[in-house]
């Protein structure tokens, strides 16, 4: 029996070595994530390329972290002289977007798609034409990278807009659906609603290994709804809204192959002790 186990352990070792050998030595390290010493002297396009590299590493390697959201409506104005429409909208704001911090922990090894920057396969697909500027500043052993996103009107979620390439955004139809669900007998046509996204930003702090240790992103939206029906009232409504997300408490784990090899070694040790 022990001889069979010895053979089995030998097979396990060979399988593990073959699996590791299937990927060239250092393949996981083939991508150099370490920040260049002259990062702040590179062109904006090169700095953005590095920004995308390190934030997409979060998507790929799935560290654990804490995400805090702050979604709030900053101002509501209505052309309704009676004030009834604004009263109703204020109630909706208090129910749906009261401006309170909400936090959740994302465990290491689990997908963070939709929980870190964009909802896309990549955390960021920003292009040079998407940004208004980018800065990289050295802070001790860390680099702080911050960029601004160009303003857009009615941007499309996903990869079809600058804001969609870095943050979770909503279409006009989705905003209308939210309003109609919250307020009975309320309608507004999509063509009568304009969503102006502006002051978009993203910021990350990166250590010497090229690991994100903190981050944040967000934007402001000016929503203009004309000819909006609220119960028996027809009115124009303007809303200022802001969305901000913060990411911290990152827990980076060892690579998949390193964890696999540790698992194999653990069972080898167990088998060796058992045979003894």
C-alpha atoms as a PDB file:
ATOM      1  CA  UNK A   1       0.000   0.000   0.000  1.00  0.00           C
ATOM      2  CA  UNK A   2       2.791   2.376   0.950  1.00  0.00           C
ATOM      3  CA  UNK A   3       4.619   1.524  -2.251  1.00  0.00           C
ATOM      4  CA  UNK A   4       1.515   2.478  -4.214  1.00  0.00           C
ATOM      5  CA  UNK A   5       1.289   5.725  -2.308  1.00  0.00           C
ATOM      6  CA  UNK A   6       4.939   6.434  -3.072  1.00  0.00           C
ATOM      7  CA  UNK A   7       4.232   5.968  -6.756  1.00  0.00           C
ATOM      8  CA  UNK A   8       1.166   8.197  -6.474  1.00  0.00           C
ATOM      9  CA  UNK A   9       3.159  10.934  -4.746  1.00  0.00           C
ATOM     10  CA  UNK A  10       5.799  10.721  -7.450  1.00  0.00           C
ATOM     11  CA  UNK A  11       3.103  11.130 -10.082  1.00  0.00           C
ATOM     12  CA  UNK A  12       1.690  14.133  -8.211  1.00  0.00           C
ATOM     13  CA  UNK A  13       5.119  15.756  -8.089  1.00  0.00           C
ATOM     14  CA  UNK A  14       5.675  15.161 -11.793  1.00  0.00           C
ATOM     15  CA  UNK A  15       2.205  16.491 -12.616  1.00  0.00           C
ATOM     16  CA  UNK A  16       2.867  19.583 -10.553  1.00  0.00           C
ATOM     17  CA  UNK A  17       6.207  20.157 -12.232  1.00  0.00           C
ATOM     18  CA  UNK A  18       4.670  19.636 -15.660  1.00  0.00           C
ATOM     19  CA  UNK A  19       1.898  22.094 -14.863  1.00  0.00           C
ATOM     20  CA  UNK A  20       4.389  24.650 -13.701  1.00  0.00           C
ATOM     21  CA  UNK A  21       6.594  23.842 -16.670  1.00  0.00           C
ATOM     22  CA  UNK A  22       3.689  24.411 -19.041  1.00  0.00           C
ATOM     23  CA  UNK A  23       4.090  28.079 -18.271  1.00  0.00           C
ATOM     24  CA  UNK A  24       7.585  29.423 -18.960  1.00  0.00           C
ATOM     25  CA  UNK A  25       9.564  30.228 -15.831  1.00  0.00           C
ATOM     26  CA  UNK A  26       8.543  33.620 -14.572  1.00  0.00           C
ATOM     27  CA  UNK A  27       5.635  33.836 -17.053  1.00  0.00           C
ATOM     28  CA  UNK A  28       3.423  35.431 -14.450  1.00  0.00           C
ATOM     29  CA  UNK A  29       6.169  37.949 -13.862  1.00  0.00           C
ATOM     30  CA  UNK A  30       6.652  38.541 -17.591  1.00  0.00           C
ATOM     31  CA  UNK A  31       4.465  41.598 -17.212  1.00  0.00           C
ATOM     32  CA  UNK A  32       6.505  44.165 -15.359  1.00  0.00           C
ATOM     33  CA  UNK A  33       4.077  45.854 -12.973  1.00  0.00           C
ATOM     34  CA  UNK A  34       6.730  47.805 -11.084  1.00  0.00           C
ATOM     35  CA  UNK A  35       6.286  51.554 -11.598  1.00  0.00           C
ATOM     36  CA  UNK A  36       9.003  53.148 -13.733  1.00  0.00           C
ATOM     37  CA  UNK A  37      11.339  55.384 -11.761  1.00  0.00           C
ATOM     38  CA  UNK A  38      10.508  58.210 -14.165  1.00  0.00           C
ATOM     39  CA  UNK A  39       6.758  57.589 -14.256  1.00  0.00           C
ATOM     40  CA  UNK A  40       6.007  61.276 -13.767  1.00  0.00           C
ATOM     41  CA  UNK A  41       8.182  62.168 -16.759  1.00  0.00           C
ATOM     42  CA  UNK A  42       6.447  59.849 -19.230  1.00  0.00           C
ATOM     43  CA  UNK A  43       3.902  61.073 -21.762  1.00  0.00           C
ATOM     44  CA  UNK A  44       0.236  61.164 -20.777  1.00  0.00           C
ATOM     45  CA  UNK A  45      -0.441  58.190 -23.060  1.00  0.00           C
ATOM     46  CA  UNK A  46       2.334  56.171 -21.349  1.00  0.00           C
ATOM     47  CA  UNK A  47       1.115  57.146 -17.889  1.00  0.00           C
ATOM     48  CA  UNK A  48      -2.425  56.097 -18.831  1.00  0.00           C
ATOM     49  CA  UNK A  49      -1.084  52.804 -20.174  1.00  0.00           C
ATOM     50  CA  UNK A  50       0.534  52.128 -16.803  1.00  0.00           C
ATOM     51  CA  UNK A  51      -2.648  53.165 -14.964  1.00  0.00           C
ATOM     52  CA  UNK A  52      -4.677  50.666 -17.017  1.00  0.00           C
ATOM     53  CA  UNK A  53      -2.055  47.994 -16.404  1.00  0.00           C
ATOM     54  CA  UNK A  54      -2.168  48.175 -12.608  1.00  0.00           C
ATOM     55  CA  UNK A  55      -5.934  48.605 -12.192  1.00  0.00           C
ATOM     56  CA  UNK A  56      -6.576  45.696 -14.566  1.00  0.00           C
ATOM     57  CA  UNK A  57      -4.179  43.658 -12.441  1.00  0.00           C
ATOM     58  CA  UNK A  58      -6.754  44.001  -9.651  1.00  0.00           C
ATOM     59  CA  UNK A  59      -9.364  42.446 -11.938  1.00  0.00           C
ATOM     60  CA  UNK A  60      -7.018  39.611 -12.975  1.00  0.00           C
ATOM     61  CA  UNK A  61      -5.379  38.684  -9.659  1.00  0.00           C
ATOM     62  CA  UNK A  62      -8.449  39.329  -7.483  1.00  0.00           C
ATOM     63  CA  UNK A  63      -7.014  40.669  -4.208  1.00  0.00           C
ATOM     64  CA  UNK A  64      -9.352  41.231  -1.306  1.00  0.00           C
ATOM     65  CA  UNK A  65     -10.397  44.795  -0.536  1.00  0.00           C
ATOM     66  CA  UNK A  66     -13.087  47.011   0.962  1.00  0.00           C
ATOM     67  CA  UNK A  67     -15.389  49.059  -1.286  1.00  0.00           C
ATOM     68  CA  UNK A  68     -17.277  52.079   0.025  1.00  0.00           C
ATOM     69  CA  UNK A  69     -19.950  53.832  -2.042  1.00  0.00           C
ATOM     70  CA  UNK A  70     -21.364  57.322  -1.628  1.00  0.00           C
ATOM     71  CA  UNK A  71     -24.252  58.032  -4.004  1.00  0.00           C
ATOM     72  CA  UNK A  72     -26.171  61.211  -3.377  1.00  0.00           C
ATOM     73  CA  UNK A  73     -28.495  63.729  -4.985  1.00  0.00           C
ATOM     74  CA  UNK A  74     -27.064  67.153  -4.272  1.00  0.00           C
ATOM     75  CA  UNK A  75     -29.838  69.367  -5.583  1.00  0.00           C
ATOM     76  CA  UNK A  76     -33.335  69.175  -7.117  1.00  0.00           C
ATOM     77  CA  UNK A  77     -35.054  72.059  -8.902  1.00  0.00           C
ATOM     78  CA  UNK A  78     -38.507  72.099 -10.509  1.00  0.00           C
ATOM     79  CA  UNK A  79     -40.428  74.579 -12.644  1.00  0.00           C
ATOM     80  CA  UNK A  80     -43.608  73.636 -10.770  1.00  0.00           C
ATOM     81  CA  UNK A  81     -44.603  76.764  -8.839  1.00  0.00           C
ATOM     82  CA  UNK A  82     -46.694  74.811  -6.330  1.00  0.00           C
ATOM     83  CA  UNK A  83     -43.642  72.984  -5.013  1.00  0.00           C
ATOM     84  CA  UNK A  84     -45.512  69.658  -5.074  1.00  0.00           C
ATOM     85  CA  UNK A  85     -43.234  68.077  -7.667  1.00  0.00           C
ATOM     86  CA  UNK A  86     -40.105  68.920  -5.691  1.00  0.00           C
ATOM     87  CA  UNK A  87     -41.692  67.561  -2.504  1.00  0.00           C
ATOM     88  CA  UNK A  88     -42.369  64.254  -4.229  1.00  0.00           C
ATOM     89  CA  UNK A  89     -38.850  64.125  -5.692  1.00  0.00           C
ATOM     90  CA  UNK A  90     -37.325  64.923  -2.306  1.00  0.00           C
ATOM     91  CA  UNK A  91     -39.151  61.906  -0.878  1.00  0.00           C
ATOM     92  CA  UNK A  92     -37.775  59.721  -3.648  1.00  0.00           C
ATOM     93  CA  UNK A  93     -34.267  61.019  -2.962  1.00  0.00           C
ATOM     94  CA  UNK A  94     -34.600  60.164   0.730  1.00  0.00           C
ATOM     95  CA  UNK A  95     -35.797  56.641  -0.105  1.00  0.00           C
ATOM     96  CA  UNK A  96     -33.508  55.728  -2.996  1.00  0.00           C
ATOM     97  CA  UNK A  97     -30.380  57.861  -2.637  1.00  0.00           C
ATOM     98  CA  UNK A  98     -30.077  59.357   0.854  1.00  0.00           C
ATOM     99  CA  UNK A  99     -26.337  60.032   0.524  1.00  0.00           C
ATOM    100  CA  UNK A 100     -25.151  57.509   3.087  1.00  0.00           C
ATOM    101  CA  UNK A 101     -21.884  55.597   2.995  1.00  0.00           C
ATOM    102  CA  UNK A 102     -22.308  51.914   2.158  1.00  0.00           C
ATOM    103  CA  UNK A 103     -19.420  49.475   2.512  1.00  0.00           C
ATOM    104  CA  UNK A 104     -18.804  45.896   1.509  1.00  0.00           C
ATOM    105  CA  UNK A 105     -15.811  43.574   1.634  1.00  0.00           C
ATOM    106  CA  UNK A 106     -14.720  41.679  -1.440  1.00  0.00           C
ATOM    107  CA  UNK A 107     -12.920  38.472  -0.543  1.00  0.00           C
ATOM    108  CA  UNK A 108      -9.622  37.610  -2.165  1.00  0.00           C
ATOM    109  CA  UNK A 109      -9.963  35.153  -5.022  1.00  0.00           C
ATOM    110  CA  UNK A 110     -13.480  36.245  -5.970  1.00  0.00           C
ATOM    111  CA  UNK A 111     -14.523  38.218  -9.034  1.00  0.00           C
ATOM    112  CA  UNK A 112     -14.543  41.989  -8.555  1.00  0.00           C
ATOM    113  CA  UNK A 113     -16.170  42.767 -11.911  1.00  0.00           C
ATOM    114  CA  UNK A 114     -18.684  45.540 -11.252  1.00  0.00           C
ATOM    115  CA  UNK A 115     -17.151  46.124  -7.822  1.00  0.00           C
ATOM    116  CA  UNK A 116     -13.882  47.807  -8.776  1.00  0.00           C
ATOM    117  CA  UNK A 117     -14.013  50.705 -11.252  1.00  0.00           C
ATOM    118  CA  UNK A 118     -16.027  49.662 -14.346  1.00  0.00           C
ATOM    119  CA  UNK A 119     -18.495  46.810 -14.882  1.00  0.00           C
ATOM    120  CA  UNK A 120     -16.499  45.569 -17.857  1.00  0.00           C
ATOM    121  CA  UNK A 121     -14.129  42.617 -18.196  1.00  0.00           C
ATOM    122  CA  UNK A 122     -11.306  45.114 -17.629  1.00  0.00           C
ATOM    123  CA  UNK A 123     -11.436  47.520 -14.715  1.00  0.00           C
ATOM    124  CA  UNK A 124     -10.302  50.283 -17.091  1.00  0.00           C
ATOM    125  CA  UNK A 125     -10.242  50.542 -20.861  1.00  0.00           C
ATOM    126  CA  UNK A 126      -9.582  54.278 -20.885  1.00  0.00           C
ATOM    127  CA  UNK A 127      -8.028  55.763 -24.017  1.00  0.00           C
ATOM    128  CA  UNK A 128      -5.886  58.908 -24.280  1.00  0.00           C
ATOM    129  CA  UNK A 129      -8.788  60.814 -25.850  1.00  0.00           C
ATOM    130  CA  UNK A 130     -11.014  59.930 -22.864  1.00  0.00           C
ATOM    131  CA  UNK A 131      -9.056  61.930 -20.309  1.00  0.00           C
ATOM    132  CA  UNK A 132      -8.591  65.619 -19.641  1.00  0.00           C
ATOM    133  CA  UNK A 133      -5.252  65.068 -17.946  1.00  0.00           C
ATOM    134  CA  UNK A 134      -3.260  62.684 -15.766  1.00  0.00           C
ATOM    135  CA  UNK A 135      -0.718  63.182 -12.982  1.00  0.00           C
ATOM    136  CA  UNK A 136       1.721  60.812 -11.291  1.00  0.00           C
ATOM    137  CA  UNK A 137       3.252  61.914  -8.005  1.00  0.00           C
ATOM    138  CA  UNK A 138       5.759  60.029  -5.849  1.00  0.00           C
ATOM    139  CA  UNK A 139       4.769  59.784  -2.194  1.00  0.00           C
ATOM    140  CA  UNK A 140       7.456  57.930  -0.284  1.00  0.00           C
ATOM    141  CA  UNK A 141       7.575  54.389  -1.666  1.00  0.00           C
ATOM    142  CA  UNK A 142       4.238  54.844  -3.437  1.00  0.00           C
ATOM    143  CA  UNK A 143       2.971  56.487  -6.590  1.00  0.00           C
ATOM    144  CA  UNK A 144      -0.350  58.323  -6.672  1.00  0.00           C
ATOM    145  CA  UNK A 145      -1.905  58.382 -10.139  1.00  0.00           C
ATOM    146  CA  UNK A 146      -4.899  60.632 -10.781  1.00  0.00           C
ATOM    147  CA  UNK A 147      -6.766  61.424 -13.972  1.00  0.00           C
ATOM    148  CA  UNK A 148      -9.812  63.356 -15.144  1.00  0.00           C
ATOM    149  CA  UNK A 149     -12.457  62.010 -17.516  1.00  0.00           C
ATOM    150  CA  UNK A 150     -13.827  64.153 -20.343  1.00  0.00           C
ATOM    151  CA  UNK A 151     -17.437  65.332 -19.962  1.00  0.00           C
ATOM    152  CA  UNK A 152     -20.095  63.472 -21.961  1.00  0.00           C
ATOM    153  CA  UNK A 153     -23.817  63.773 -22.679  1.00  0.00           C
ATOM    154  CA  UNK A 154     -25.928  60.616 -22.545  1.00  0.00           C
ATOM    155  CA  UNK A 155     -22.925  58.260 -22.534  1.00  0.00           C
ATOM    156  CA  UNK A 156     -23.520  54.584 -23.265  1.00  0.00           C
ATOM    157  CA  UNK A 157     -22.512  52.059 -20.574  1.00  0.00           C
ATOM    158  CA  UNK A 158     -19.719  49.619 -21.285  1.00  0.00           C
ATOM    159  CA  UNK A 159     -16.985  50.168 -23.834  1.00  0.00           C
ATOM    160  CA  UNK A 160     -18.882  52.723 -25.938  1.00  0.00           C
ATOM    161  CA  UNK A 161     -18.103  55.784 -23.790  1.00  0.00           C
ATOM    162  CA  UNK A 162     -15.283  57.249 -21.723  1.00  0.00           C
ATOM    163  CA  UNK A 163     -17.239  57.086 -18.462  1.00  0.00           C
ATOM    164  CA  UNK A 164     -18.430  53.566 -19.278  1.00  0.00           C
ATOM    165  CA  UNK A 165     -14.812  52.463 -19.723  1.00  0.00           C
ATOM    166  CA  UNK A 166     -13.922  53.405 -16.129  1.00  0.00           C
ATOM    167  CA  UNK A 167     -17.137  53.522 -14.050  1.00  0.00           C
ATOM    168  CA  UNK A 168     -20.628  52.015 -13.728  1.00  0.00           C
ATOM    169  CA  UNK A 169     -23.078  54.391 -15.424  1.00  0.00           C
ATOM    170  CA  UNK A 170     -26.774  54.328 -16.296  1.00  0.00           C
ATOM    171  CA  UNK A 171     -28.682  54.962 -19.513  1.00  0.00           C
ATOM    172  CA  UNK A 172     -31.591  57.371 -19.734  1.00  0.00           C
ATOM    173  CA  UNK A 173     -33.962  54.408 -19.920  1.00  0.00           C
ATOM    174  CA  UNK A 174     -32.544  52.944 -16.710  1.00  0.00           C
ATOM    175  CA  UNK A 175     -32.894  56.266 -14.902  1.00  0.00           C
ATOM    176  CA  UNK A 176     -36.509  56.591 -16.064  1.00  0.00           C
ATOM    177  CA  UNK A 177     -37.247  53.048 -14.915  1.00  0.00           C
ATOM    178  CA  UNK A 178     -35.889  53.879 -11.460  1.00  0.00           C
ATOM    179  CA  UNK A 179     -38.053  57.024 -11.269  1.00  0.00           C
ATOM    180  CA  UNK A 180     -41.217  55.271 -12.438  1.00  0.00           C
ATOM    181  CA  UNK A 181     -40.686  52.438  -9.945  1.00  0.00           C
ATOM    182  CA  UNK A 182     -40.260  54.933  -7.114  1.00  0.00           C
ATOM    183  CA  UNK A 183     -43.166  57.275  -7.974  1.00  0.00           C
ATOM    184  CA  UNK A 184     -46.582  56.059  -9.080  1.00  0.00           C
ATOM    185  CA  UNK A 185     -48.109  57.742 -12.148  1.00  0.00           C
ATOM    186  CA  UNK A 186     -44.850  59.365 -13.230  1.00  0.00           C
ATOM    187  CA  UNK A 187     -43.600  59.416 -16.800  1.00  0.00           C
ATOM    188  CA  UNK A 188     -40.926  61.089 -18.889  1.00  0.00           C
ATOM    189  CA  UNK A 189     -39.881  60.256 -22.433  1.00  0.00           C
ATOM    190  CA  UNK A 190     -36.218  59.254 -23.005  1.00  0.00           C
ATOM    191  CA  UNK A 191     -35.830  62.042 -25.568  1.00  0.00           C
ATOM    192  CA  UNK A 192     -36.911  64.553 -22.907  1.00  0.00           C
ATOM    193  CA  UNK A 193     -34.186  63.446 -20.488  1.00  0.00           C
ATOM    194  CA  UNK A 194     -30.561  64.559 -20.784  1.00  0.00           C
ATOM    195  CA  UNK A 195     -27.762  63.162 -18.629  1.00  0.00           C
ATOM    196  CA  UNK A 196     -24.622  65.286 -18.582  1.00  0.00           C
ATOM    197  CA  UNK A 197     -21.671  63.441 -16.990  1.00  0.00           C
ATOM    198  CA  UNK A 198     -18.824  65.663 -15.832  1.00  0.00           C
ATOM    199  CA  UNK A 199     -16.018  65.945 -13.250  1.00  0.00           C
ATOM    200  CA  UNK A 200     -15.277  62.258 -13.801  1.00  0.00           C
ATOM    201  CA  UNK A 201     -12.069  61.090 -12.123  1.00  0.00           C
ATOM    202  CA  UNK A 202     -10.062  58.050 -11.077  1.00  0.00           C
ATOM    203  CA  UNK A 203      -7.236  57.795  -8.583  1.00  0.00           C
ATOM    204  CA  UNK A 204      -5.009  54.941  -7.387  1.00  0.00           C
ATOM    205  CA  UNK A 205      -2.089  54.532  -5.020  1.00  0.00           C
ATOM    206  CA  UNK A 206       0.449  51.949  -6.193  1.00  0.00           C
ATOM    207  CA  UNK A 207       3.310  50.388  -4.228  1.00  0.00           C
ATOM    208  CA  UNK A 208       6.761  49.469  -5.518  1.00  0.00           C
ATOM    209  CA  UNK A 209       5.510  46.058  -6.673  1.00  0.00           C
ATOM    210  CA  UNK A 210       2.869  47.631  -8.857  1.00  0.00           C
ATOM    211  CA  UNK A 211       0.039  46.612  -6.530  1.00  0.00           C
ATOM    212  CA  UNK A 212      -2.876  48.969  -5.967  1.00  0.00           C
ATOM    213  CA  UNK A 213      -3.160  49.746  -2.252  1.00  0.00           C
ATOM    214  CA  UNK A 214      -5.973  52.324  -2.445  1.00  0.00           C
ATOM    215  CA  UNK A 215      -8.185  53.880  -5.066  1.00  0.00           C
ATOM    216  CA  UNK A 216     -11.258  55.945  -5.818  1.00  0.00           C
ATOM    217  CA  UNK A 217     -13.363  57.046  -8.769  1.00  0.00           C
ATOM    218  CA  UNK A 218     -16.539  58.953  -9.454  1.00  0.00           C
ATOM    219  CA  UNK A 219     -18.401  61.587 -11.412  1.00  0.00           C
ATOM    220  CA  UNK A 220     -21.188  64.144 -11.249  1.00  0.00           C
ATOM    221  CA  UNK A 221     -24.361  64.102 -13.348  1.00  0.00           C
ATOM    222  CA  UNK A 222     -26.651  66.957 -14.331  1.00  0.00           C
ATOM    223  CA  UNK A 223     -30.000  65.403 -15.235  1.00  0.00           C
ATOM    224  CA  UNK A 224     -32.498  67.601 -17.080  1.00  0.00           C
ATOM    225  CA  UNK A 225     -36.026  66.177 -17.532  1.00  0.00           C
ATOM    226  CA  UNK A 226     -38.453  68.276 -19.564  1.00  0.00           C
ATOM    227  CA  UNK A 227     -42.219  67.813 -19.748  1.00  0.00           C
ATOM    228  CA  UNK A 228     -42.090  65.335 -16.888  1.00  0.00           C
ATOM    229  CA  UNK A 229     -45.436  64.122 -15.537  1.00  0.00           C
ATOM    230  CA  UNK A 230     -45.613  63.679 -11.779  1.00  0.00           C
ATOM    231  CA  UNK A 231     -49.144  62.611 -10.806  1.00  0.00           C
ATOM    232  CA  UNK A 232     -51.247  65.512 -12.188  1.00  0.00           C
ATOM    233  CA  UNK A 233     -48.381  67.931 -12.752  1.00  0.00           C
ATOM    234  CA  UNK A 234     -46.341  68.651 -15.866  1.00  0.00           C
ATOM    235  CA  UNK A 235     -42.993  70.164 -14.998  1.00  0.00           C
ATOM    236  CA  UNK A 236     -39.338  70.509 -15.919  1.00  0.00           C
ATOM    237  CA  UNK A 237     -36.916  69.028 -13.419  1.00  0.00           C
ATOM    238  CA  UNK A 238     -33.162  69.534 -12.968  1.00  0.00           C
ATOM    239  CA  UNK A 239     -31.174  67.239 -10.685  1.00  0.00           C
ATOM    240  CA  UNK A 240     -27.538  67.332  -9.617  1.00  0.00           C
ATOM    241  CA  UNK A 241     -26.208  63.936  -8.573  1.00  0.00           C
ATOM    242  CA  UNK A 242     -22.779  62.652  -7.547  1.00  0.00           C
ATOM    243  CA  UNK A 243     -21.399  59.115  -7.381  1.00  0.00           C
ATOM    244  CA  UNK A 244     -18.155  58.215  -5.625  1.00  0.00           C
ATOM    245  CA  UNK A 245     -16.496  54.906  -4.810  1.00  0.00           C
ATOM    246  CA  UNK A 246     -13.524  54.284  -2.523  1.00  0.00           C
ATOM    247  CA  UNK A 247     -11.334  51.168  -2.358  1.00  0.00           C
ATOM    248  CA  UNK A 248      -8.919  50.308   0.449  1.00  0.00           C
ATOM    249  CA  UNK A 249      -7.685  47.525   2.781  1.00  0.00           C
ATOM    250  CA  UNK A 250      -6.228  45.583  -0.139  1.00  0.00           C
ATOM    251  CA  UNK A 251      -5.099  42.023   0.623  1.00  0.00           C
ATOM    252  CA  UNK A 252      -2.858  40.738  -2.138  1.00  0.00           C
ATOM    253  CA  UNK A 253      -2.313  36.975  -2.205  1.00  0.00           C
ATOM    254  CA  UNK A 254       0.371  34.851  -3.808  1.00  0.00           C
ATOM    255  CA  UNK A 255       0.019  33.816  -7.425  1.00  0.00           C
ATOM    256  CA  UNK A 256      -2.184  30.897  -8.494  1.00  0.00           C
ATOM    257  CA  UNK A 257       0.755  28.682  -9.362  1.00  0.00           C
ATOM    258  CA  UNK A 258       2.503  29.462  -6.095  1.00  0.00           C
ATOM    259  CA  UNK A 259      -0.658  28.541  -4.188  1.00  0.00           C
ATOM    260  CA  UNK A 260      -0.984  25.343  -6.259  1.00  0.00           C
ATOM    261  CA  UNK A 261       2.592  24.342  -5.544  1.00  0.00           C
ATOM    262  CA  UNK A 262       2.103  24.990  -1.811  1.00  0.00           C
ATOM    263  CA  UNK A 263      -0.971  22.762  -1.952  1.00  0.00           C
ATOM    264  CA  UNK A 264       1.031  19.958  -3.617  1.00  0.00           C
ATOM    265  CA  UNK A 265       3.853  20.280  -1.084  1.00  0.00           C
ATOM    266  CA  UNK A 266       1.381  20.150   1.784  1.00  0.00           C
ATOM    267  CA  UNK A 267      -0.033  16.850   0.566  1.00  0.00           C
ATOM    268  CA  UNK A 268       3.448  15.500  -0.100  1.00  0.00           C
ATOM    269  CA  UNK A 269       4.349  16.241   3.526  1.00  0.00           C
ATOM    270  CA  UNK A 270       1.162  14.578   4.709  1.00  0.00           C
ATOM    271  CA  UNK A 271       1.939  11.465   2.638  1.00  0.00           C
ATOM    272  CA  UNK A 272       5.523  11.347   3.859  1.00  0.00           C
ATOM    273  CA  UNK A 273       4.396  11.565   7.518  1.00  0.00           C
ATOM    274  CA  UNK A 274       1.772   8.860   6.905  1.00  0.00           C
ATOM    275  CA  UNK A 275       4.343   6.500   5.389  1.00  0.00           C
ATOM    276  CA  UNK A 276       6.640   7.057   8.347  1.00  0.00           C
END
